[in-house]
Amino acid sequence: DARLKNLKLSNTQYLPTKTICIDLKQ
């Protein structure tokens, strides 16, 4: 969306890049 060009979109992940979800019922 070109309207977003004035917003600061983070290039860096401030949070961990992933959350691991494991099905413990297997």
PDB file of all heavy atoms in Angstrom:
ATOM      1  N   ASP A   1       0.834  -1.198   0.000  1.00  0.00           N
ATOM      2  CA  ASP A   1       0.000   0.000   0.000  1.00  0.00           C
ATOM      3  C   ASP A   1       0.873   1.254   0.000  1.00  0.00           C
ATOM      4  O   ASP A   1       1.624   1.504   0.943  1.00  0.00           O
ATOM      5  CB  ASP A   1      -0.918  -0.016   1.232  1.00  0.00           C
ATOM      6  CG  ASP A   1      -2.019   1.017   1.141  1.00  0.00           C
ATOM      7  OD1 ASP A   1      -1.813   2.049   0.482  1.00  0.00           O
ATOM      8  OD2 ASP A   1      -3.071   0.789   1.751  1.00  0.00           O
ATOM      9  N   ALA A   2       0.778   2.064  -1.028  1.00  0.00           N
ATOM     10  CA  ALA A   2       1.599   3.275  -1.152  1.00  0.00           C
ATOM     11  C   ALA A   2       1.300   4.284  -0.042  1.00  0.00           C
ATOM     12  O   ALA A   2       2.154   5.094   0.302  1.00  0.00           O
ATOM     13  CB  ALA A   2       1.376   3.916  -2.515  1.00  0.00           C
ATOM     14  N   ARG A   3       0.092   4.224   0.546  1.00  0.00           N
ATOM     15  CA  ARG A   3      -0.249   5.169   1.621  1.00  0.00           C
ATOM     16  C   ARG A   3       0.608   4.950   2.856  1.00  0.00           C
ATOM     17  O   ARG A   3       0.697   5.804   3.718  1.00  0.00           O
ATOM     18  CB  ARG A   3      -1.720   5.016   2.012  1.00  0.00           C
ATOM     19  CG  ARG A   3      -2.693   5.322   0.895  1.00  0.00           C
ATOM     20  CD  ARG A   3      -4.096   4.938   1.285  1.00  0.00           C
ATOM     21  NE  ARG A   3      -4.147   3.532   1.660  1.00  0.00           N
ATOM     22  CZ  ARG A   3      -5.084   2.986   2.410  1.00  0.00           C
ATOM     23  NH1 ARG A   3      -6.063   3.702   2.887  1.00  0.00           N
ATOM     24  NH2 ARG A   3      -5.067   1.710   2.697  1.00  0.00           N
ATOM     25  N   LEU A   4       1.259   3.811   2.963  1.00  0.00           N
ATOM     26  CA  LEU A   4       2.052   3.482   4.145  1.00  0.00           C
ATOM     27  C   LEU A   4       3.483   4.004   4.070  1.00  0.00           C
ATOM     28  O   LEU A   4       4.253   3.831   4.994  1.00  0.00           O
ATOM     29  CB  LEU A   4       2.075   1.967   4.354  1.00  0.00           C
ATOM     30  CG  LEU A   4       0.711   1.319   4.544  1.00  0.00           C
ATOM     31  CD1 LEU A   4       0.854  -0.181   4.627  1.00  0.00           C
ATOM     32  CD2 LEU A   4       0.014   1.865   5.761  1.00  0.00           C
ATOM     33  N   LYS A   5       3.826   4.671   2.992  1.00  0.00           N
ATOM     34  CA  LYS A   5       5.216   5.083   2.811  1.00  0.00           C
ATOM     35  C   LYS A   5       5.686   6.053   3.888  1.00  0.00           C
ATOM     36  O   LYS A   5       6.875   6.137   4.174  1.00  0.00           O
ATOM     37  CB  LYS A   5       5.424   5.692   1.426  1.00  0.00           C
ATOM     38  CG  LYS A   5       4.672   6.993   1.202  1.00  0.00           C
ATOM     39  CD  LYS A   5       4.887   7.520  -0.198  1.00  0.00           C
ATOM     40  CE  LYS A   5       4.077   8.803  -0.357  1.00  0.00           C
ATOM     41  NZ  LYS A   5       4.058   9.288  -1.686  1.00  0.00           N
ATOM     42  N   ASN A   6       4.774   6.777   4.533  1.00  0.00           N
ATOM     43  CA  ASN A   6       5.171   7.722   5.574  1.00  0.00           C
ATOM     44  C   ASN A   6       5.218   7.100   6.971  1.00  0.00           C
ATOM     45  O   ASN A   6       5.584   7.764   7.923  1.00  0.00           O
ATOM     46  CB  ASN A   6       4.226   8.932   5.589  1.00  0.00           C
ATOM     47  CG  ASN A   6       4.348   9.744   4.321  1.00  0.00           C
ATOM     48  OD1 ASN A   6       5.430   9.822   3.737  1.00  0.00           O
ATOM     49  ND2 ASN A   6       3.253  10.313   3.870  1.00  0.00           N
ATOM     50  N   LEU A   7       4.823   5.856   7.068  1.00  0.00           N
ATOM     51  CA  LEU A   7       4.896   5.170   8.352  1.00  0.00           C
ATOM     52  C   LEU A   7       6.223   4.444   8.462  1.00  0.00           C
ATOM     53  O   LEU A   7       6.780   3.985   7.482  1.00  0.00           O
ATOM     54  CB  LEU A   7       3.763   4.148   8.491  1.00  0.00           C
ATOM     55  CG  LEU A   7       2.359   4.715   8.600  1.00  0.00           C
ATOM     56  CD1 LEU A   7       1.364   3.572   8.638  1.00  0.00           C
ATOM     57  CD2 LEU A   7       2.212   5.579   9.830  1.00  0.00           C
ATOM     58  N   LYS A   8       6.692   4.338   9.686  1.00  0.00           N
ATOM     59  CA  LYS A   8       7.932   3.611   9.905  1.00  0.00           C
ATOM     60  C   LYS A   8       7.601   2.138  10.071  1.00  0.00           C
ATOM     61  O   LYS A   8       6.983   1.734  11.042  1.00  0.00           O
ATOM     62  CB  LYS A   8       8.640   4.127  11.159  1.00  0.00           C
ATOM     63  CG  LYS A   8       9.927   3.407  11.466  1.00  0.00           C
ATOM     64  CD  LYS A   8      10.568   3.962  12.714  1.00  0.00           C
ATOM     65  CE  LYS A   8      11.840   3.194  13.026  1.00  0.00           C
ATOM     66  NZ  LYS A   8      12.381   3.596  14.311  1.00  0.00           N
ATOM     67  N   LEU A   9       7.962   1.356   9.092  1.00  0.00           N
ATOM     68  CA  LEU A   9       7.805  -0.080   9.189  1.00  0.00           C
ATOM     69  C   LEU A   9       9.158  -0.654   9.582  1.00  0.00           C
ATOM     70  O   LEU A   9      10.166  -0.363   8.950  1.00  0.00           O
ATOM     71  CB  LEU A   9       7.334  -0.675   7.861  1.00  0.00           C
ATOM     72  CG  LEU A   9       5.930  -0.269   7.431  1.00  0.00           C
ATOM     73  CD1 LEU A   9       5.635  -0.812   6.058  1.00  0.00           C
ATOM     74  CD2 LEU A   9       4.902  -0.738   8.425  1.00  0.00           C
ATOM     75  N   SER A  10       9.160  -1.423  10.617  1.00  0.00           N
ATOM     76  CA  SER A  10      10.409  -1.941  11.146  1.00  0.00           C
ATOM     77  C   SER A  10      11.048  -2.924  10.167  1.00  0.00           C
ATOM     78  O   SER A  10      10.396  -3.819   9.650  1.00  0.00           O
ATOM     79  CB  SER A  10      10.140  -2.635  12.477  1.00  0.00           C
ATOM     80  OG  SER A  10      11.321  -3.196  12.965  1.00  0.00           O
ATOM     81  N   ASN A  11      12.333  -2.732   9.937  1.00  0.00           N
ATOM     82  CA  ASN A  11      13.095  -3.683   9.132  1.00  0.00           C
ATOM     83  C   ASN A  11      13.635  -4.800  10.009  1.00  0.00           C
ATOM     84  O   ASN A  11      14.090  -5.820   9.532  1.00  0.00           O
ATOM     85  CB  ASN A  11      14.266  -2.986   8.437  1.00  0.00           C
ATOM     86  CG  ASN A  11      13.783  -2.007   7.400  1.00  0.00           C
ATOM     87  OD1 ASN A  11      12.757  -2.221   6.774  1.00  0.00           O
ATOM     88  ND2 ASN A  11      14.510  -0.923   7.222  1.00  0.00           N
ATOM     89  N   THR A  12      13.635  -4.564  11.313  1.00  0.00           N
ATOM     90  CA  THR A  12      14.182  -5.505  12.270  1.00  0.00           C
ATOM     91  C   THR A  12      13.062  -6.073  13.115  1.00  0.00           C
ATOM     92  O   THR A  12      12.141  -5.356  13.468  1.00  0.00           O
ATOM     93  CB  THR A  12      15.161  -4.786  13.222  1.00  0.00           C
ATOM     94  OG1 THR A  12      15.836  -3.765  12.542  1.00  0.00           O
ATOM     95  CG2 THR A  12      16.156  -5.746  13.801  1.00  0.00           C
ATOM     96  N   GLN A  13      13.175  -7.310  13.446  1.00  0.00           N
ATOM     97  CA  GLN A  13      12.213  -7.914  14.347  1.00  0.00           C
ATOM     98  C   GLN A  13      12.645  -7.602  15.774  1.00  0.00           C
ATOM     99  O   GLN A  13      13.709  -8.003  16.202  1.00  0.00           O
ATOM    100  CB  GLN A  13      12.156  -9.427  14.131  1.00  0.00           C
ATOM    101  CG  GLN A  13      11.645  -9.827  12.772  1.00  0.00           C
ATOM    102  CD  GLN A  13      10.172  -9.522  12.592  1.00  0.00           C
ATOM    103  OE1 GLN A  13       9.386  -9.702  13.494  1.00  0.00           O
ATOM    104  NE2 GLN A  13       9.816  -9.044  11.426  1.00  0.00           N
ATOM    105  N   TYR A  14      11.835  -6.847  16.502  1.00  0.00           N
ATOM    106  CA  TYR A  14      12.137  -6.555  17.905  1.00  0.00           C
ATOM    107  C   TYR A  14      11.834  -7.767  18.766  1.00  0.00           C
ATOM    108  O   TYR A  14      12.348  -7.922  19.851  1.00  0.00           O
ATOM    109  CB  TYR A  14      11.300  -5.375  18.409  1.00  0.00           C
ATOM    110  CG  TYR A  14      11.659  -4.069  17.749  1.00  0.00           C
ATOM    111  CD1 TYR A  14      10.694  -3.336  17.081  1.00  0.00           C
ATOM    112  CD2 TYR A  14      12.948  -3.579  17.786  1.00  0.00           C
ATOM    113  CE1 TYR A  14      11.010  -2.140  16.469  1.00  0.00           C
ATOM    114  CE2 TYR A  14      13.276  -2.389  17.164  1.00  0.00           C
ATOM    115  CZ  TYR A  14      12.301  -1.668  16.522  1.00  0.00           C
ATOM    116  OH  TYR A  14      12.619  -0.492  15.919  1.00  0.00           O
ATOM    117  N   LEU A  15      10.969  -8.604  18.281  1.00  0.00           N
ATOM    118  CA  LEU A  15      10.551  -9.790  19.011  1.00  0.00           C
ATOM    119  C   LEU A  15      11.258 -10.996  18.404  1.00  0.00           C
ATOM    120  O   LEU A  15      11.746 -10.936  17.295  1.00  0.00           O
ATOM    121  CB  LEU A  15       9.032  -9.972  18.858  1.00  0.00           C
ATOM    122  CG  LEU A  15       8.184  -8.811  19.341  1.00  0.00           C
ATOM    123  CD1 LEU A  15       6.752  -8.974  18.881  1.00  0.00           C
ATOM    124  CD2 LEU A  15       8.240  -8.722  20.846  1.00  0.00           C
ATOM    125  N   PRO A  16      11.281 -12.100  19.143  1.00  0.00           N
ATOM    126  CA  PRO A  16      11.834 -13.313  18.535  1.00  0.00           C
ATOM    127  C   PRO A  16      11.132 -13.585  17.205  1.00  0.00           C
ATOM    128  O   PRO A  16       9.944 -13.328  17.062  1.00  0.00           O
ATOM    129  CB  PRO A  16      11.505 -14.403  19.560  1.00  0.00           C
ATOM    130  CG  PRO A  16      11.364 -13.668  20.856  1.00  0.00           C
ATOM    131  CD  PRO A  16      10.819 -12.311  20.501  1.00  0.00           C
ATOM    132  N   THR A  17      11.882 -14.099  16.250  1.00  0.00           N
ATOM    133  CA  THR A  17      11.337 -14.255  14.905  1.00  0.00           C
ATOM    134  C   THR A  17      10.329 -15.376  14.765  1.00  0.00           C
ATOM    135  O   THR A  17       9.638 -15.458  13.773  1.00  0.00           O
ATOM    136  CB  THR A  17      12.465 -14.481  13.891  1.00  0.00           C
ATOM    137  OG1 THR A  17      13.214 -15.625  14.311  1.00  0.00           O
ATOM    138  CG2 THR A  17      13.358 -13.272  13.783  1.00  0.00           C
ATOM    139  N   LYS A  18      10.262 -16.257  15.742  1.00  0.00           N
ATOM    140  CA  LYS A  18       9.256 -17.299  15.633  1.00  0.00           C
ATOM    141  C   LYS A  18       8.887 -17.811  17.019  1.00  0.00           C
ATOM    142  O   LYS A  18       9.647 -17.708  17.958  1.00  0.00           O
ATOM    143  CB  LYS A  18       9.724 -18.451  14.760  1.00  0.00           C
ATOM    144  CG  LYS A  18      10.962 -19.179  15.256  1.00  0.00           C
ATOM    145  CD  LYS A  18      11.351 -20.242  14.271  1.00  0.00           C
ATOM    146  CE  LYS A  18      12.728 -20.796  14.612  1.00  0.00           C
ATOM    147  NZ  LYS A  18      13.162 -21.813  13.700  1.00  0.00           N
ATOM    148  N   THR A  19       7.715 -18.340  17.076  1.00  0.00           N
ATOM    149  CA  THR A  19       7.239 -19.034  18.258  1.00  0.00           C
ATOM    150  C   THR A  19       7.059 -20.476  17.852  1.00  0.00           C
ATOM    151  O   THR A  19       6.505 -20.762  16.801  1.00  0.00           O
ATOM    152  CB  THR A  19       5.894 -18.441  18.730  1.00  0.00           C
ATOM    153  OG1 THR A  19       6.092 -17.060  19.025  1.00  0.00           O
ATOM    154  CG2 THR A  19       5.370 -19.166  19.947  1.00  0.00           C
ATOM    155  N   ILE A  20       7.552 -21.375  18.664  1.00  0.00           N
ATOM    156  CA  ILE A  20       7.461 -22.778  18.333  1.00  0.00           C
ATOM    157  C   ILE A  20       6.252 -23.368  19.036  1.00  0.00           C
ATOM    158  O   ILE A  20       6.136 -23.284  20.257  1.00  0.00           O
ATOM    159  CB  ILE A  20       8.739 -23.527  18.757  1.00  0.00           C
ATOM    160  CG1 ILE A  20       9.952 -22.931  18.040  1.00  0.00           C
ATOM    161  CG2 ILE A  20       8.606 -25.023  18.486  1.00  0.00           C
ATOM    162  CD1 ILE A  20      11.275 -23.449  18.537  1.00  0.00           C
ATOM    163  N   CYS A  21       5.340 -23.918  18.261  1.00  0.00           N
ATOM    164  CA  CYS A  21       4.167 -24.602  18.802  1.00  0.00           C
ATOM    165  C   CYS A  21       4.328 -26.079  18.499  1.00  0.00           C
ATOM    166  O   CYS A  21       4.538 -26.461  17.352  1.00  0.00           O
ATOM    167  CB  CYS A  21       2.888 -24.062  18.170  1.00  0.00           C
ATOM    168  SG  CYS A  21       2.587 -22.339  18.557  1.00  0.00           S
ATOM    169  N   ILE A  22       4.234 -26.882  19.534  1.00  0.00           N
ATOM    170  CA  ILE A  22       4.420 -28.318  19.380  1.00  0.00           C
ATOM    171  C   ILE A  22       3.170 -29.029  19.868  1.00  0.00           C
ATOM    172  O   ILE A  22       2.686 -28.753  20.969  1.00  0.00           O
ATOM    173  CB  ILE A  22       5.644 -28.799  20.199  1.00  0.00           C
ATOM    174  CG1 ILE A  22       6.914 -28.091  19.740  1.00  0.00           C
ATOM    175  CG2 ILE A  22       5.802 -30.311  20.097  1.00  0.00           C
ATOM    176  CD1 ILE A  22       8.116 -28.352  20.614  1.00  0.00           C
ATOM    177  N   ASP A  23       2.667 -29.949  19.066  1.00  0.00           N
ATOM    178  CA  ASP A  23       1.525 -30.763  19.466  1.00  0.00           C
ATOM    179  C   ASP A  23       2.028 -31.852  20.396  1.00  0.00           C
ATOM    180  O   ASP A  23       2.665 -32.813  19.977  1.00  0.00           O
ATOM    181  CB  ASP A  23       0.857 -31.377  18.237  1.00  0.00           C
ATOM    182  CG  ASP A  23      -0.298 -32.299  18.593  1.00  0.00           C
ATOM    183  OD1 ASP A  23      -0.696 -32.351  19.787  1.00  0.00           O
ATOM    184  OD2 ASP A  23      -0.810 -32.967  17.683  1.00  0.00           O
ATOM    185  N   LEU A  24       1.762 -31.706  21.690  1.00  0.00           N
ATOM    186  CA  LEU A  24       2.254 -32.644  22.685  1.00  0.00           C
ATOM    187  C   LEU A  24       1.392 -33.899  22.789  1.00  0.00           C
ATOM    188  O   LEU A  24       1.698 -34.789  23.569  1.00  0.00           O
ATOM    189  CB  LEU A  24       2.359 -31.958  24.052  1.00  0.00           C
ATOM    190  CG  LEU A  24       3.348 -30.799  24.108  1.00  0.00           C
ATOM    191  CD1 LEU A  24       3.321 -30.147  25.476  1.00  0.00           C
ATOM    192  CD2 LEU A  24       4.756 -31.260  23.752  1.00  0.00           C
ATOM    193  N   LYS A  25       0.340 -33.973  21.995  1.00  0.00           N
ATOM    194  CA  LYS A  25      -0.537 -35.152  22.015  1.00  0.00           C
ATOM    195  C   LYS A  25      -0.022 -36.263  21.103  1.00  0.00           C
ATOM    196  O   LYS A  25      -0.503 -37.388  21.178  1.00  0.00           O
ATOM    197  CB  LYS A  25      -1.959 -34.752  21.621  1.00  0.00           C
ATOM    198  CG  LYS A  25      -2.603 -33.847  22.652  1.00  0.00           C
ATOM    199  CD  LYS A  25      -3.967 -33.386  22.196  1.00  0.00           C
ATOM    200  CE  LYS A  25      -4.523 -32.396  23.204  1.00  0.00           C
ATOM    201  NZ  LYS A  25      -5.681 -31.698  22.699  1.00  0.00           N
ATOM    202  N   GLN A  26       0.947 -35.958  20.253  1.00  0.00           N
ATOM    203  CA  GLN A  26       1.469 -36.978  19.353  1.00  0.00           C
ATOM    204  C   GLN A  26       2.342 -37.973  20.135  1.00  0.00           C
ATOM    205  O   GLN A  26       2.807 -37.668  21.232  1.00  0.00           O
ATOM    206  CB  GLN A  26       2.237 -36.336  18.205  1.00  0.00           C
ATOM    207  CG  GLN A  26       3.442 -35.501  18.619  1.00  0.00           C
ATOM    208  CD  GLN A  26       4.073 -34.794  17.437  1.00  0.00           C
ATOM    209  OE1 GLN A  26       4.175 -35.346  16.358  1.00  0.00           O
ATOM    210  NE2 GLN A  26       4.508 -33.571  17.656  1.00  0.00           N
TER     211      GLN A  26
END
